[in-house]
Protein backbone atom coordinates (compact mmCIF):
# COMPACT_ATOMS: atom_id res chain seq x y z
CA MET A 1 -17.95 6.95 -20.24
CA GLU A 2 -17.30 5.76 -16.70
CA MET A 3 -16.14 2.21 -16.15
CA LEU A 4 -18.50 -0.12 -14.29
CA PHE A 5 -15.61 -1.54 -12.27
CA PRO A 6 -13.01 1.27 -12.20
CA PHE A 7 -9.61 -0.09 -11.16
CA ASP A 8 -7.60 2.81 -12.57
CA LYS A 9 -8.21 5.27 -9.71
CA PRO A 10 -8.95 5.28 -5.95
CA ALA A 11 -12.55 4.56 -4.97
CA SER A 12 -14.43 7.29 -3.14
CA GLY A 13 -17.80 8.14 -1.64
CA ASN A 14 -20.50 5.50 -1.99
CA LYS A 15 -18.23 3.48 -4.31
CA LEU A 16 -15.79 2.87 -1.46
CA LEU A 17 -16.05 -0.65 -0.09
CA GLY A 18 -15.14 -1.26 3.53
CA ARG A 19 -12.28 0.66 5.17
CA LYS A 20 -14.64 2.64 7.43
CA GLU A 21 -12.61 1.79 10.52
CA GLU A 22 -9.27 2.66 8.92
CA ILE A 23 -10.59 5.95 7.49
CA GLN A 24 -12.00 7.00 10.86
CA THR A 25 -8.75 6.08 12.59
CA VAL A 26 -6.80 8.31 10.18
CA ILE A 27 -9.17 11.19 10.92
CA ASP A 28 -9.04 10.69 14.69
CA THR A 29 -5.26 10.40 14.71
CA LEU A 30 -4.71 13.55 12.66
CA VAL A 31 -7.30 15.70 14.46
CA THR A 32 -7.84 14.35 17.97
CA LYS A 33 -4.39 12.97 18.70
CA GLN A 34 -2.72 15.63 16.52
CA LYS A 35 -0.30 13.00 15.29
CA GLY A 36 0.77 11.62 11.94
CA VAL A 37 -0.11 8.21 10.50
CA ALA A 38 1.82 5.47 8.72
CA ILE A 39 0.14 2.97 6.39
CA TYR A 40 1.97 0.25 4.53
CA SER A 41 0.76 -2.72 2.55
CA ALA A 42 1.39 -4.43 -0.78
CA PRO A 43 0.73 -2.38 -3.95
CA LYS A 44 -2.92 -1.84 -4.91
CA THR A 45 -4.39 -2.71 -1.52
CA GLY A 46 -6.09 0.60 -0.70
CA LYS A 47 -3.53 2.87 0.98
CA ASN A 48 -4.19 5.84 -1.29
CA THR A 49 -7.94 5.23 -1.16
CA VAL A 50 -7.99 5.39 2.65
CA VAL A 51 -5.83 8.52 2.81
CA ARG A 52 -7.76 10.44 0.17
CA GLU A 53 -11.16 9.54 1.59
CA ALA A 54 -10.06 10.55 5.11
CA LEU A 55 -8.76 13.90 3.86
CA HIS A 56 -11.92 14.43 1.79
CA ARG A 57 -14.10 13.87 4.85
CA LEU A 58 -11.94 16.19 6.92
CA LYS A 59 -12.26 18.93 4.33
CA SER A 60 -16.02 18.38 4.01
CA SER A 61 -16.37 18.74 7.78
CA GLY A 62 -14.73 22.16 7.63
CA CYS A 63 -11.40 21.15 9.13
CA PRO A 64 -8.86 23.70 7.84
CA PHE A 65 -5.72 22.18 6.38
CA ARG A 66 -3.59 22.35 3.27
CA LEU A 67 -2.19 19.28 1.56
CA CYS A 68 1.26 18.75 0.10
CA GLU A 69 1.77 15.40 -1.62
CA ILE A 70 5.25 14.04 -2.32
CA ASP A 71 5.91 10.79 -4.20
CA PHE A 72 9.34 9.25 -3.63
CA PHE A 73 8.87 6.49 -6.21
CA ASN A 74 11.92 7.53 -8.27
CA VAL A 75 14.10 8.59 -5.32
CA ARG A 76 17.18 6.49 -4.55
CA THR A 77 19.82 8.89 -3.20
CA LEU A 78 20.03 11.56 -0.51
CA SER A 79 20.42 14.35 -3.05
CA GLU A 80 17.34 13.12 -4.94
CA PHE A 81 15.38 13.00 -1.69
CA ILE A 82 16.34 16.55 -0.71
CA ASP A 83 15.66 17.87 -4.21
CA CYS A 84 12.28 16.13 -4.45
CA PHE A 85 11.20 17.30 -0.99
CA LYS A 86 12.29 20.88 -1.64
CA ARG A 87 10.71 21.07 -5.08
CA ARG A 88 7.33 19.74 -4.00
CA MET A 89 7.21 21.88 -0.84
CA LEU A 90 7.93 25.03 -2.85
CA ASP A 91 5.30 24.02 -5.41
CA CYS A 92 2.87 23.68 -2.51
CA TYR A 93 3.87 27.09 -1.15
CA GLU A 94 3.34 28.75 -4.54
CA GLN A 95 -0.09 27.16 -4.92
CA MET A 96 -1.11 28.24 -1.41
CA ASN A 97 0.10 31.74 -2.12
CA ARG A 98 -1.94 31.96 -5.32
CA ASP A 99 -5.05 30.92 -3.40
CA ALA A 100 -4.41 33.15 -0.38
CA ILE A 101 -6.40 36.33 0.27
CA LEU A 102 -3.31 37.80 1.89
CA PRO A 103 -0.16 36.46 0.17
CA PHE A 104 2.72 35.47 2.42
CA THR A 105 6.42 35.13 1.76
CA VAL A 106 8.77 32.22 2.23
CA GLU A 107 12.41 32.79 1.35
CA SER A 108 12.89 30.17 -1.35
CA ASP A 109 16.23 31.14 -2.88
CA ASN A 110 19.38 29.24 -1.94
CA ILE A 111 17.81 27.19 0.84
CA PRO A 112 20.60 25.08 2.36
CA ASP A 113 20.00 21.33 2.47
CA ALA A 114 20.00 21.42 6.26
CA LYS A 115 16.93 23.69 6.21
CA VAL A 116 14.91 21.94 3.49
CA LEU A 117 13.22 19.58 5.95
CA ASP A 118 12.04 22.61 7.95
CA LEU A 119 10.01 23.93 5.01
CA PRO A 120 6.69 22.35 6.14
CA SER A 121 6.88 24.13 9.47
CA ILE A 122 7.93 27.43 7.86
CA ILE A 123 5.10 27.29 5.33
CA ALA A 124 2.54 26.30 7.98
CA LYS A 125 3.62 29.17 10.22
CA GLU A 126 3.72 31.83 7.50
CA SER A 127 0.37 30.75 6.00
CA GLY A 128 -1.38 30.24 9.32
CA SER A 129 -2.58 26.83 8.15
CA THR A 130 -2.22 23.27 9.32
CA LEU A 131 -0.16 21.49 6.69
CA VAL A 132 -0.69 17.80 5.94
CA VAL A 133 2.38 16.35 4.21
CA TYR A 134 1.52 13.11 2.40
CA LEU A 135 4.67 11.09 1.69
CA LYS A 136 4.24 8.17 -0.72
CA GLU A 137 6.56 5.20 -1.40
CA PHE A 138 8.54 6.08 1.71
CA GLN A 139 10.45 2.78 1.63
CA ASN A 140 12.76 4.43 -0.91
CA VAL A 141 13.75 7.02 1.68
CA ILE A 142 14.32 4.29 4.25
CA SER A 143 16.60 2.47 1.81
CA ILE A 144 18.95 5.45 1.32
CA ASP A 145 22.33 4.27 2.57
CA GLU A 146 24.65 7.26 2.56
CA LYS A 147 26.96 8.84 5.07
CA GLY A 148 25.31 11.65 7.00
CA PHE A 149 21.75 10.42 6.53
CA ARG A 150 19.91 8.98 9.52
CA LEU A 151 16.17 8.42 9.84
CA GLU A 152 16.45 9.34 13.51
CA ASP A 153 17.62 12.84 12.56
CA LEU A 154 14.72 13.12 10.13
CA VAL A 155 12.27 12.27 12.91
CA LYS A 156 13.84 14.73 15.35
CA THR A 157 13.45 17.54 12.80
CA TRP A 158 9.82 16.71 12.07
CA LEU A 159 8.92 16.28 15.76
CA ARG A 160 9.95 19.90 16.42
CA GLN A 161 7.46 21.19 13.86
CA THR A 162 4.09 22.65 14.80
CA ASN A 163 0.89 22.63 12.75
CA VAL A 164 2.32 19.89 10.51
CA ARG A 165 0.98 16.34 10.24
CA TYR A 166 2.74 13.63 8.28
CA ILE A 167 0.99 10.82 6.43
CA ILE A 168 3.57 8.23 5.44
CA THR A 169 2.75 5.33 3.12
CA GLY A 170 4.81 2.61 1.51
CA SER A 171 4.32 -0.50 -0.60
CA ALA A 172 7.40 -2.43 0.57
CA VAL A 173 5.81 -4.08 3.59
CA ASN A 174 8.88 -5.65 5.15
CA THR A 175 11.06 -2.56 4.75
CA MET A 176 8.40 -0.36 6.33
CA LYS A 177 7.59 -2.87 9.07
CA SER A 178 11.23 -3.07 10.10
CA VAL A 179 11.43 0.69 10.72
CA PHE A 180 7.92 1.46 11.99
CA GLU A 181 7.19 -1.65 14.07
CA GLU A 182 10.42 -3.42 14.95
CA LYS A 183 12.78 -0.45 15.40
CA GLN A 184 9.92 2.00 16.10
CA VAL A 185 11.94 4.91 14.70
CA PHE A 186 8.79 6.94 14.00
CA TYR A 187 6.96 5.97 17.20
CA TYR A 188 6.43 9.54 18.46
CA LEU A 189 5.68 11.00 15.04
CA THR A 190 3.14 8.54 13.61
CA ASP A 191 0.68 5.82 14.56
CA VAL A 192 0.72 2.74 12.36
CA ILE A 193 -2.69 1.95 10.85
CA GLU A 194 -3.21 -1.59 9.59
CA LEU A 195 -5.29 -2.21 6.49
CA LYS A 196 -7.45 -5.20 7.37
CA PRO A 197 -8.77 -7.60 4.71
CA ILE A 198 -12.17 -6.59 3.32
CA PRO A 199 -14.73 -9.23 4.40
CA GLN A 200 -15.64 -11.64 1.60
CA LYS A 201 -19.37 -11.06 2.15
CA SER A 202 -18.95 -7.36 1.42
CA VAL A 203 -17.01 -8.10 -1.75
CA VAL A 204 -19.59 -10.66 -2.92
CA ASP A 205 -22.40 -8.18 -2.27
CA TYR A 206 -20.51 -5.56 -4.29
CA ILE A 207 -20.00 -7.92 -7.25
CA THR A 208 -23.58 -9.20 -7.40
CA SER A 209 -25.20 -5.78 -6.97
CA SER A 210 -22.89 -4.10 -9.51
CA PHE A 211 -23.73 -6.66 -12.18
CA LEU A 212 -27.41 -6.51 -11.31
CA ASN A 213 -27.43 -2.73 -11.76
CA VAL A 214 -26.57 -3.20 -15.44
CA GLY A 215 -28.94 -6.09 -16.04
CA ARG A 216 -26.47 -8.92 -15.53
CA VAL A 217 -27.00 -11.80 -13.11
CA ILE A 218 -24.18 -13.55 -11.26
CA GLU A 219 -24.75 -16.20 -8.59
CA ARG A 220 -23.14 -15.66 -5.21
CA GLU A 221 -21.18 -18.90 -5.63
CA ASP A 222 -19.57 -17.53 -8.79
CA ALA A 223 -18.86 -14.20 -7.07
CA GLU A 224 -17.19 -16.20 -4.29
CA ASP A 225 -15.00 -17.84 -6.95
CA ILE A 226 -13.82 -14.36 -7.95
CA CYS A 227 -12.93 -13.75 -4.31
CA ARG A 228 -10.98 -17.00 -4.10
CA VAL A 229 -8.91 -16.09 -7.16
CA THR A 230 -8.21 -12.51 -6.08
CA GLY A 231 -8.01 -12.90 -2.30
CA CYS A 232 -10.63 -10.11 -2.07
CA ASN A 233 -8.05 -7.62 -3.30
CA MET A 234 -10.35 -4.96 -4.76
CA TRP A 235 -7.93 -4.00 -7.55
CA TYR A 236 -7.87 -7.57 -8.80
CA VAL A 237 -11.61 -8.00 -8.12
CA LYS A 238 -12.50 -4.99 -10.27
CA MET A 239 -10.08 -6.01 -12.99
CA MET A 240 -11.54 -9.51 -13.13
CA CYS A 241 -15.11 -8.17 -13.12
CA SER A 242 -14.22 -5.72 -15.90
CA ILE A 243 -12.97 -8.57 -18.08
CA CYS A 244 -16.12 -10.56 -17.29
CA TYR A 245 -18.31 -7.58 -18.14
CA THR A 246 -16.87 -7.45 -21.67
CA LEU A 247 -18.12 -10.95 -22.44
CA PRO A 248 -21.27 -10.98 -24.64
CA ILE A 249 -23.45 -12.70 -22.05
CA GLY A 250 -26.40 -11.76 -19.88
CA TYR A 251 -26.05 -14.46 -17.26
CA VAL A 252 -22.59 -14.74 -15.72
CA ASN A 253 -22.15 -18.48 -15.30
CA HIS A 254 -19.29 -20.61 -14.04
CA ASN A 255 -17.75 -20.99 -17.51
CA ALA A 256 -17.58 -17.21 -17.83
CA ILE A 257 -15.78 -16.99 -14.47
CA VAL A 258 -13.25 -19.63 -15.56
CA GLN A 259 -12.66 -17.80 -18.85
CA THR A 260 -12.22 -14.51 -17.01
CA ARG A 261 -9.90 -16.05 -14.43
CA ASP A 262 -7.66 -17.51 -17.12
CA ALA A 263 -7.56 -14.17 -18.94
CA LEU A 264 -6.53 -12.34 -15.75
CA LEU A 265 -3.81 -14.91 -15.01
CA GLN A 266 -2.50 -14.55 -18.55
CA VAL A 267 -2.12 -10.81 -18.02
CA PHE A 268 0.13 -11.32 -15.00
CA ALA A 269 1.79 -14.61 -15.99
CA PRO A 270 4.92 -12.94 -17.48
CA GLN A 271 5.49 -11.03 -14.23
CA PHE A 272 4.98 -14.18 -12.14
CA ARG A 273 7.22 -16.28 -14.40
CA ARG A 274 9.97 -13.68 -14.18
CA THR A 275 9.73 -13.75 -10.40
CA MET A 276 10.14 -17.54 -10.34
CA LEU A 277 13.09 -17.43 -12.75
CA GLU A 278 14.91 -15.24 -10.24
CA LEU A 279 14.54 -17.79 -7.41
CA THR A 280 16.98 -20.55 -6.55
CA PRO A 281 15.77 -24.18 -6.29
CA ASN A 282 16.04 -23.90 -2.52
CA GLN A 283 13.89 -20.77 -2.50
CA ILE A 284 11.30 -22.47 -4.71
CA ASN A 285 11.12 -25.36 -2.24
CA PHE A 286 10.56 -22.87 0.56
CA LEU A 287 7.77 -21.16 -1.40
CA ARG A 288 6.18 -24.54 -2.08
CA ALA A 289 6.17 -25.28 1.65
CA ILE A 290 4.34 -22.01 2.33
CA CYS A 291 1.80 -22.71 -0.43
CA ASP A 292 1.18 -26.16 1.06
CA GLY A 293 0.26 -24.51 4.36
CA ALA A 294 3.40 -25.38 6.29
CA ARG A 295 3.82 -23.17 9.34
CA ARG A 296 6.59 -24.62 11.52
CA LEU A 297 9.11 -24.12 8.76
CA SER A 298 12.11 -25.03 10.89
CA SER A 299 10.68 -28.32 12.15
CA SER A 300 12.58 -31.47 11.19
CA GLU A 301 9.54 -32.79 9.30
CA ILE A 302 9.31 -29.70 7.07
CA LEU A 303 13.08 -29.52 6.59
CA THR A 304 13.11 -33.09 5.34
CA ARG A 305 9.94 -32.98 3.24
CA TYR A 306 10.94 -29.83 1.34
CA HIS A 307 14.71 -30.35 1.29
CA LEU A 308 15.40 -27.15 3.24
CA ASN A 309 18.59 -28.56 4.82
CA SER A 310 18.64 -26.79 8.21
CA SER A 311 16.93 -24.25 10.44
CA ALA A 312 19.80 -21.85 9.72
CA ASN A 313 19.01 -22.16 6.03
CA VAL A 314 15.33 -21.43 6.73
CA PHE A 315 16.40 -18.27 8.55
CA ARG A 316 18.35 -17.17 5.46
CA LEU A 317 15.42 -18.02 3.21
CA LYS A 318 13.07 -15.91 5.31
CA ASP A 319 15.41 -12.95 4.98
CA ALA A 320 15.66 -13.47 1.23
CA PHE A 321 11.89 -13.46 0.77
CA ARG A 322 11.52 -10.43 3.03
CA ASN A 323 14.07 -8.57 0.92
CA LYS A 324 12.27 -9.55 -2.27
CA GLU A 325 8.98 -8.34 -0.74
CA LEU A 326 7.29 -11.58 -1.76
CA VAL A 327 6.48 -12.90 1.72
CA THR A 328 5.98 -11.30 5.10
CA PHE A 329 5.79 -12.88 8.55
CA ASP A 330 3.43 -11.84 11.31
CA ARG A 331 4.15 -11.59 15.05
CA ASN A 332 3.65 -15.35 15.37
CA ASP A 333 6.11 -15.96 12.52
CA GLU A 334 3.25 -17.10 10.26
CA PRO A 335 4.13 -16.57 6.56
CA GLN A 336 1.90 -14.65 4.17
CA ILE A 337 2.44 -14.29 0.43
CA LEU A 338 1.86 -10.60 -0.19
CA ASP A 339 0.28 -10.83 -3.64
CA PRO A 340 -2.93 -12.94 -3.50
CA LEU A 341 -3.09 -13.46 -7.27
CA PHE A 342 0.53 -14.66 -7.28
CA GLU A 343 -0.36 -17.06 -4.49
CA TYR A 344 -3.32 -18.39 -6.48
CA TRP A 345 -1.11 -18.80 -9.58
CA LEU A 346 1.50 -20.68 -7.56
CA LYS A 347 -1.01 -23.07 -6.03
CA ASN A 348 -3.08 -23.68 -9.17
CA LYS A 349 -0.58 -23.33 -12.00
CA TYR A 350 3.08 -23.51 -10.98
CA PHE A 351 2.92 -26.14 -8.23
CA LYS A 352 -0.12 -28.03 -9.53
């Protein structure tokens, strides 16, 4: 039986909310510009959904390509990276060969480490196909700190390849931003595609119509409350709606929303509490300032009000929160807490 609000897998087709612009940009970049793409945002914000829908539409349109997907989630060292890349590329080659009318051969025995990164180009050439290499959780590759490994060398190798497009995603926003935007290491290989917030109206329409389709009624004001709790993050929205749907009611009233909200917060409270236990008193003061809407964090007024000591200390605090991937800062140095439910919990539970 299919879930009414499925949060356990990427949305697709007519169940996909928003993201039309981002999906089209991925398609245009891969096909028209013949360039790779990079997408990074906090976990469960739609990266995989955008990539899969773009590739699905490309395939449906008759665009010939083969996909090789590599997840670096458990990669921490150079040897693990090389082994993971090699293993997945050879798995891809074997699958392509099984599906091919005319099998092709790639020498797979005793490939030296120096040649492993050339495998996409070799496979693309031998198969006569355009190969899309989808690299997930790429921040783990960025974080490899070993002698002889440089991201610049990685880029040079991949730039020489023909008929290969790289899709690079990551959930550590600050780590990815540092390399792709500030240092621009991958500038010639990929275009960065920003995932914009889904408009609240679209989310409210989705909530009200989904409930109505199963004979439940929810007022727009109550749907807007769901948006306020979740920050319109569709993973949280669907999870909260799923909890609400289990309640034995026909009319979803405000009390049901409050009950559902509290249940959702209870699910994530241990994770949020653990995060706070790992912060110093100074870091907690800094987080309180952000939750209170402070923007000029180095101003004398903010330093005094939140006991932040000095502008040099604020600089260190910013770095600490970037490293923890709890807060990011935009081009105007405006802070943003990356997890909207964590932000809601801070404002309405921890700092209340």
